[in-house]
Amino acid sequence: MKLMSAKAQFEQSHPKVISFLKTVFSRPIEEGTILELTVTRPGEEPVTTNLKVKDSDLALMESLKDLMKNK
């Protein structure tokens, strides 16, 4: 229940992120898809990484998709 409350607060605080995630997860993430993440802290240079989705990652991607659906 605590997780769902935190999720609801996050959705309210960051609607653009939620919209982005809904768009991304509106169809299956396929093996070979590249995900990129950049973190920019105040006063620091951005740090970026990426990953190419492997077959072994697909179950996690589906779990994340399911988490986005649950309200």
C-alpha atoms as a PDB file:
ATOM      1  CA  MET A   1       0.000   0.000   0.000  1.00  0.00           C
ATOM      2  CA  LYS A   2       2.881   2.365   0.784  1.00  0.00           C
ATOM      3  CA  LEU A   3       4.307   1.782  -2.699  1.00  0.00           C
ATOM      4  CA  MET A   4       0.976   2.614  -4.326  1.00  0.00           C
ATOM      5  CA  SER A   5       0.776   5.854  -2.331  1.00  0.00           C
ATOM      6  CA  ALA A   6       4.290   6.811  -3.418  1.00  0.00           C
ATOM      7  CA  LYS A   7       3.409   5.931  -7.026  1.00  0.00           C
ATOM      8  CA  ALA A   8       0.308   8.146  -6.878  1.00  0.00           C
ATOM      9  CA  GLN A   9       2.362  11.045  -5.503  1.00  0.00           C
ATOM     10  CA  PHE A  10       5.003  10.554  -8.215  1.00  0.00           C
ATOM     11  CA  GLU A  11       2.302  10.550 -10.924  1.00  0.00           C
ATOM     12  CA  GLN A  12       0.879  13.783  -9.557  1.00  0.00           C
ATOM     13  CA  SER A  13       4.293  15.453  -9.293  1.00  0.00           C
ATOM     14  CA  HIS A  14       5.689  14.306 -12.650  1.00  0.00           C
ATOM     15  CA  PRO A  15       2.902  13.954 -15.242  1.00  0.00           C
ATOM     16  CA  LYS A  16       5.289  14.354 -18.209  1.00  0.00           C
ATOM     17  CA  VAL A  17       7.327  11.357 -17.052  1.00  0.00           C
ATOM     18  CA  ILE A  18       4.178   9.281 -16.634  1.00  0.00           C
ATOM     19  CA  SER A  19       2.992  10.287 -20.112  1.00  0.00           C
ATOM     20  CA  PHE A  20       6.395   9.359 -21.547  1.00  0.00           C
ATOM     21  CA  LEU A  21       6.387   5.964 -19.830  1.00  0.00           C
ATOM     22  CA  LYS A  22       2.842   5.239 -20.987  1.00  0.00           C
ATOM     23  CA  THR A  23       3.884   6.014 -24.563  1.00  0.00           C
ATOM     24  CA  VAL A  24       7.006   3.850 -24.327  1.00  0.00           C
ATOM     25  CA  PHE A  25       5.162   0.933 -22.739  1.00  0.00           C
ATOM     26  CA  SER A  26       2.114   1.221 -25.022  1.00  0.00           C
ATOM     27  CA  ARG A  27       3.717  -1.544 -27.057  1.00  0.00           C
ATOM     28  CA  PRO A  28       6.173  -4.274 -26.123  1.00  0.00           C
ATOM     29  CA  ILE A  29       9.826  -3.446 -25.567  1.00  0.00           C
ATOM     30  CA  GLU A  30      11.655  -5.694 -28.003  1.00  0.00           C
ATOM     31  CA  GLU A  31      15.030  -7.335 -27.737  1.00  0.00           C
ATOM     32  CA  GLY A  32      17.574  -4.958 -29.274  1.00  0.00           C
ATOM     33  CA  THR A  33      15.771  -1.812 -28.082  1.00  0.00           C
ATOM     34  CA  ILE A  34      18.222   0.727 -26.668  1.00  0.00           C
ATOM     35  CA  LEU A  35      17.278   2.532 -23.455  1.00  0.00           C
ATOM     36  CA  GLU A  36      19.238   5.643 -22.496  1.00  0.00           C
ATOM     37  CA  LEU A  37      19.265   7.449 -19.167  1.00  0.00           C
ATOM     38  CA  THR A  38      20.839  10.809 -18.346  1.00  0.00           C
ATOM     39  CA  VAL A  39      21.160  12.276 -14.856  1.00  0.00           C
ATOM     40  CA  THR A  40      22.067  15.952 -14.486  1.00  0.00           C
ATOM     41  CA  ARG A  41      22.688  17.150 -10.955  1.00  0.00           C
ATOM     42  CA  PRO A  42      22.704  20.891 -10.194  1.00  0.00           C
ATOM     43  CA  GLY A  43      26.091  22.358 -11.059  1.00  0.00           C
ATOM     44  CA  GLU A  44      27.429  19.109 -12.539  1.00  0.00           C
ATOM     45  CA  GLU A  45      27.906  17.692 -15.995  1.00  0.00           C
ATOM     46  CA  PRO A  46      25.319  15.170 -17.198  1.00  0.00           C
ATOM     47  CA  VAL A  47      26.094  11.481 -16.759  1.00  0.00           C
ATOM     48  CA  THR A  48      24.584   9.220 -19.421  1.00  0.00           C
ATOM     49  CA  THR A  49      24.384   5.481 -19.874  1.00  0.00           C
ATOM     50  CA  ASN A  50      22.463   3.159 -22.128  1.00  0.00           C
ATOM     51  CA  LEU A  51      21.639  -0.484 -22.476  1.00  0.00           C
ATOM     52  CA  LYS A  52      20.540  -2.737 -25.277  1.00  0.00           C
ATOM     53  CA  VAL A  53      17.617  -4.863 -24.095  1.00  0.00           C
ATOM     54  CA  LYS A  54      18.432  -8.556 -24.036  1.00  0.00           C
ATOM     55  CA  ASP A  55      16.014 -11.462 -24.125  1.00  0.00           C
ATOM     56  CA  SER A  56      16.712 -11.972 -20.408  1.00  0.00           C
ATOM     57  CA  ASP A  57      15.473  -8.395 -19.707  1.00  0.00           C
ATOM     58  CA  LEU A  58      12.052  -8.821 -21.306  1.00  0.00           C
ATOM     59  CA  ALA A  59      10.318 -10.196 -18.184  1.00  0.00           C
ATOM     60  CA  LEU A  60      11.446  -7.138 -16.201  1.00  0.00           C
ATOM     61  CA  MET A  61      10.182  -4.837 -18.960  1.00  0.00           C
ATOM     62  CA  GLU A  62       6.755  -6.510 -18.772  1.00  0.00           C
ATOM     63  CA  SER A  63       6.739  -6.134 -14.972  1.00  0.00           C
ATOM     64  CA  LEU A  64       7.460  -2.415 -15.319  1.00  0.00           C
ATOM     65  CA  LYS A  65       4.669  -2.137 -17.865  1.00  0.00           C
ATOM     66  CA  ASP A  66       2.278  -3.881 -15.453  1.00  0.00           C
ATOM     67  CA  LEU A  67       3.318  -1.530 -12.649  1.00  0.00           C
ATOM     68  CA  MET A  68       2.399   1.433 -14.860  1.00  0.00           C
ATOM     69  CA  LYS A  69      -1.066  -0.039 -15.465  1.00  0.00           C
ATOM     70  CA  ASN A  70      -1.911  -0.693 -11.799  1.00  0.00           C
ATOM     71  CA  LYS A  71      -3.561   2.183 -10.007  1.00  0.00           C
END
